[in-house]
Amino acid sequence: MNAYGNDVGEPYAEGGIVTLPVVEFRDPDSWLHSSMTPDEARLLGLRLIKLADEAEEQEW
């Protein structure tokens, strides 16, 4: 397991695009590569932070 979990690879930037590799749900041997602009990556990061805060509040 890495810092992002079992099914998420290390994000990387190339050619002005941010790519996030994740394991394909139906075929764990395949990887999907989600590509996004820098602004989209920032928005995703902020949304993930908000969701992490909500998840922590739900813990018992």
N, C-alpha and C. Protein backbone atom coordinates (compact mmCIF):
# COMPACT_ATOMS: atom_id res chain seq x y z
N MET A 1 0.85 -1.18 0.00
CA MET A 1 0.00 0.00 0.00
C MET A 1 0.89 1.24 0.00
N ASN A 2 0.55 2.22 -0.85
CA ASN A 2 1.32 3.46 -0.86
C ASN A 2 0.57 4.54 -0.07
N ALA A 3 1.02 5.75 -0.16
CA ALA A 3 0.42 6.84 0.61
C ALA A 3 -1.02 7.13 0.19
N TYR A 4 -1.43 6.66 -0.98
CA TYR A 4 -2.76 6.97 -1.50
C TYR A 4 -3.73 5.80 -1.40
N GLY A 5 -3.29 4.68 -0.91
CA GLY A 5 -4.14 3.50 -0.83
C GLY A 5 -3.68 2.43 -1.82
N ASN A 6 -4.32 1.29 -1.77
CA ASN A 6 -3.91 0.15 -2.60
C ASN A 6 -4.16 0.37 -4.09
N ASP A 7 -5.20 1.10 -4.42
CA ASP A 7 -5.64 1.16 -5.81
C ASP A 7 -5.40 2.49 -6.50
N VAL A 8 -4.56 3.33 -5.91
CA VAL A 8 -4.26 4.64 -6.50
C VAL A 8 -2.75 4.77 -6.62
N GLY A 9 -2.29 5.09 -7.82
CA GLY A 9 -0.86 5.25 -8.06
C GLY A 9 -0.40 6.68 -7.76
N GLU A 10 0.86 6.89 -7.94
CA GLU A 10 1.45 8.21 -7.74
C GLU A 10 1.02 9.16 -8.87
N PRO A 11 0.34 10.26 -8.54
CA PRO A 11 -0.02 11.23 -9.58
C PRO A 11 1.24 11.85 -10.18
N TYR A 12 1.14 12.26 -11.44
CA TYR A 12 2.29 12.91 -12.06
C TYR A 12 1.82 13.98 -13.05
N ALA A 13 2.71 14.92 -13.34
CA ALA A 13 2.43 15.99 -14.29
C ALA A 13 3.34 15.84 -15.50
N GLU A 14 2.74 15.98 -16.68
CA GLU A 14 3.52 15.88 -17.91
C GLU A 14 2.78 16.65 -19.00
N GLY A 15 3.47 17.53 -19.68
CA GLY A 15 2.88 18.28 -20.78
C GLY A 15 1.74 19.18 -20.37
N GLY A 16 1.76 19.69 -19.14
CA GLY A 16 0.71 20.59 -18.68
C GLY A 16 -0.55 19.88 -18.21
N ILE A 17 -0.51 18.56 -18.09
CA ILE A 17 -1.66 17.77 -17.65
C ILE A 17 -1.27 16.98 -16.40
N VAL A 18 -2.20 16.87 -15.46
CA VAL A 18 -2.01 16.06 -14.26
C VAL A 18 -2.69 14.72 -14.52
N THR A 19 -1.99 13.64 -14.25
CA THR A 19 -2.54 12.30 -14.45
C THR A 19 -2.56 11.54 -13.14
N LEU A 20 -3.70 10.90 -12.88
CA LEU A 20 -3.87 10.11 -11.66
C LEU A 20 -4.17 8.67 -12.06
N PRO A 21 -3.21 7.76 -11.88
CA PRO A 21 -3.46 6.36 -12.21
C PRO A 21 -4.24 5.66 -11.10
N VAL A 22 -5.28 4.93 -11.48
CA VAL A 22 -6.07 4.15 -10.52
C VAL A 22 -6.33 2.76 -11.10
N VAL A 23 -6.48 1.78 -10.23
CA VAL A 23 -6.78 0.42 -10.67
C VAL A 23 -8.20 0.37 -11.20
N GLU A 24 -8.38 -0.28 -12.34
CA GLU A 24 -9.71 -0.43 -12.94
C GLU A 24 -10.54 -1.37 -12.07
N PHE A 25 -11.74 -0.96 -11.70
CA PHE A 25 -12.58 -1.69 -10.75
C PHE A 25 -12.86 -3.13 -11.17
N ARG A 26 -13.22 -3.32 -12.42
CA ARG A 26 -13.62 -4.67 -12.88
C ARG A 26 -12.43 -5.56 -13.21
N ASP A 27 -11.27 -4.97 -13.44
CA ASP A 27 -10.08 -5.74 -13.80
C ASP A 27 -8.89 -5.22 -13.00
N PRO A 28 -8.67 -5.79 -11.82
CA PRO A 28 -7.63 -5.28 -10.92
C PRO A 28 -6.21 -5.31 -11.49
N ASP A 29 -6.02 -5.99 -12.62
CA ASP A 29 -4.70 -6.01 -13.25
C ASP A 29 -4.50 -4.85 -14.22
N SER A 30 -5.56 -4.07 -14.46
CA SER A 30 -5.49 -2.94 -15.40
C SER A 30 -5.54 -1.62 -14.65
N TRP A 31 -4.85 -0.65 -15.21
CA TRP A 31 -4.84 0.70 -14.63
C TRP A 31 -5.53 1.67 -15.56
N LEU A 32 -6.32 2.57 -15.00
CA LEU A 32 -6.91 3.69 -15.73
C LEU A 32 -6.08 4.92 -15.42
N HIS A 33 -5.97 5.82 -16.37
CA HIS A 33 -5.19 7.04 -16.16
C HIS A 33 -6.09 8.24 -16.39
N SER A 34 -6.55 8.82 -15.30
CA SER A 34 -7.42 9.99 -15.38
C SER A 34 -6.57 11.24 -15.55
N SER A 35 -6.79 11.95 -16.66
CA SER A 35 -6.01 13.16 -16.94
C SER A 35 -6.88 14.38 -16.74
N MET A 36 -6.29 15.44 -16.18
CA MET A 36 -7.03 16.66 -15.91
C MET A 36 -6.11 17.87 -15.99
N THR A 37 -6.72 19.02 -16.17
CA THR A 37 -5.96 20.26 -16.19
C THR A 37 -5.49 20.58 -14.78
N PRO A 38 -4.52 21.47 -14.62
CA PRO A 38 -4.09 21.86 -13.28
C PRO A 38 -5.25 22.41 -12.43
N ASP A 39 -6.13 23.22 -13.02
CA ASP A 39 -7.27 23.75 -12.25
C ASP A 39 -8.22 22.64 -11.81
N GLU A 40 -8.46 21.67 -12.69
CA GLU A 40 -9.32 20.55 -12.32
C GLU A 40 -8.68 19.73 -11.20
N ALA A 41 -7.38 19.55 -11.26
CA ALA A 41 -6.68 18.82 -10.21
C ALA A 41 -6.78 19.55 -8.87
N ARG A 42 -6.66 20.87 -8.91
CA ARG A 42 -6.80 21.65 -7.67
C ARG A 42 -8.20 21.50 -7.08
N LEU A 43 -9.21 21.59 -7.95
CA LEU A 43 -10.59 21.44 -7.47
C LEU A 43 -10.83 20.05 -6.89
N LEU A 44 -10.29 19.03 -7.55
CA LEU A 44 -10.41 17.67 -7.03
C LEU A 44 -9.75 17.56 -5.66
N GLY A 45 -8.56 18.14 -5.53
CA GLY A 45 -7.86 18.10 -4.25
C GLY A 45 -8.67 18.75 -3.14
N LEU A 46 -9.25 19.91 -3.43
CA LEU A 46 -10.07 20.59 -2.43
C LEU A 46 -11.30 19.76 -2.07
N ARG A 47 -11.92 19.15 -3.07
CA ARG A 47 -13.11 18.31 -2.81
C ARG A 47 -12.74 17.10 -1.97
N LEU A 48 -11.59 16.50 -2.25
CA LEU A 48 -11.15 15.35 -1.45
C LEU A 48 -10.88 15.73 -0.01
N ILE A 49 -10.31 16.91 0.21
CA ILE A 49 -10.08 17.39 1.57
C ILE A 49 -11.40 17.56 2.30
N LYS A 50 -12.38 18.17 1.63
CA LYS A 50 -13.69 18.36 2.24
C LYS A 50 -14.33 17.02 2.59
N LEU A 51 -14.26 16.06 1.67
CA LEU A 51 -14.83 14.73 1.93
C LEU A 51 -14.10 14.02 3.06
N ALA A 52 -12.79 14.18 3.15
CA ALA A 52 -12.03 13.57 4.24
C ALA A 52 -12.47 14.15 5.58
N ASP A 53 -12.69 15.45 5.64
CA ASP A 53 -13.19 16.09 6.86
C ASP A 53 -14.56 15.55 7.24
N GLU A 54 -15.46 15.41 6.24
CA GLU A 54 -16.79 14.86 6.50
C GLU A 54 -16.70 13.42 7.01
N ALA A 55 -15.83 12.63 6.41
CA ALA A 55 -15.67 11.23 6.83
C ALA A 55 -15.17 11.14 8.27
N GLU A 56 -14.24 12.01 8.64
CA GLU A 56 -13.74 12.02 10.02
C GLU A 56 -14.84 12.35 11.02
N GLU A 57 -15.71 13.25 10.63
CA GLU A 57 -16.83 13.61 11.53
C GLU A 57 -17.79 12.46 11.72
N GLN A 58 -17.86 11.54 10.77
CA GLN A 58 -18.77 10.42 10.84
C GLN A 58 -18.22 9.25 11.66
N GLU A 59 -16.94 9.28 11.96
CA GLU A 59 -16.35 8.18 12.73
C GLU A 59 -16.94 8.14 14.13
N TRP A 60 -17.09 6.94 14.65
CA TRP A 60 -17.62 6.81 16.00
C TRP A 60 -16.55 6.44 16.95
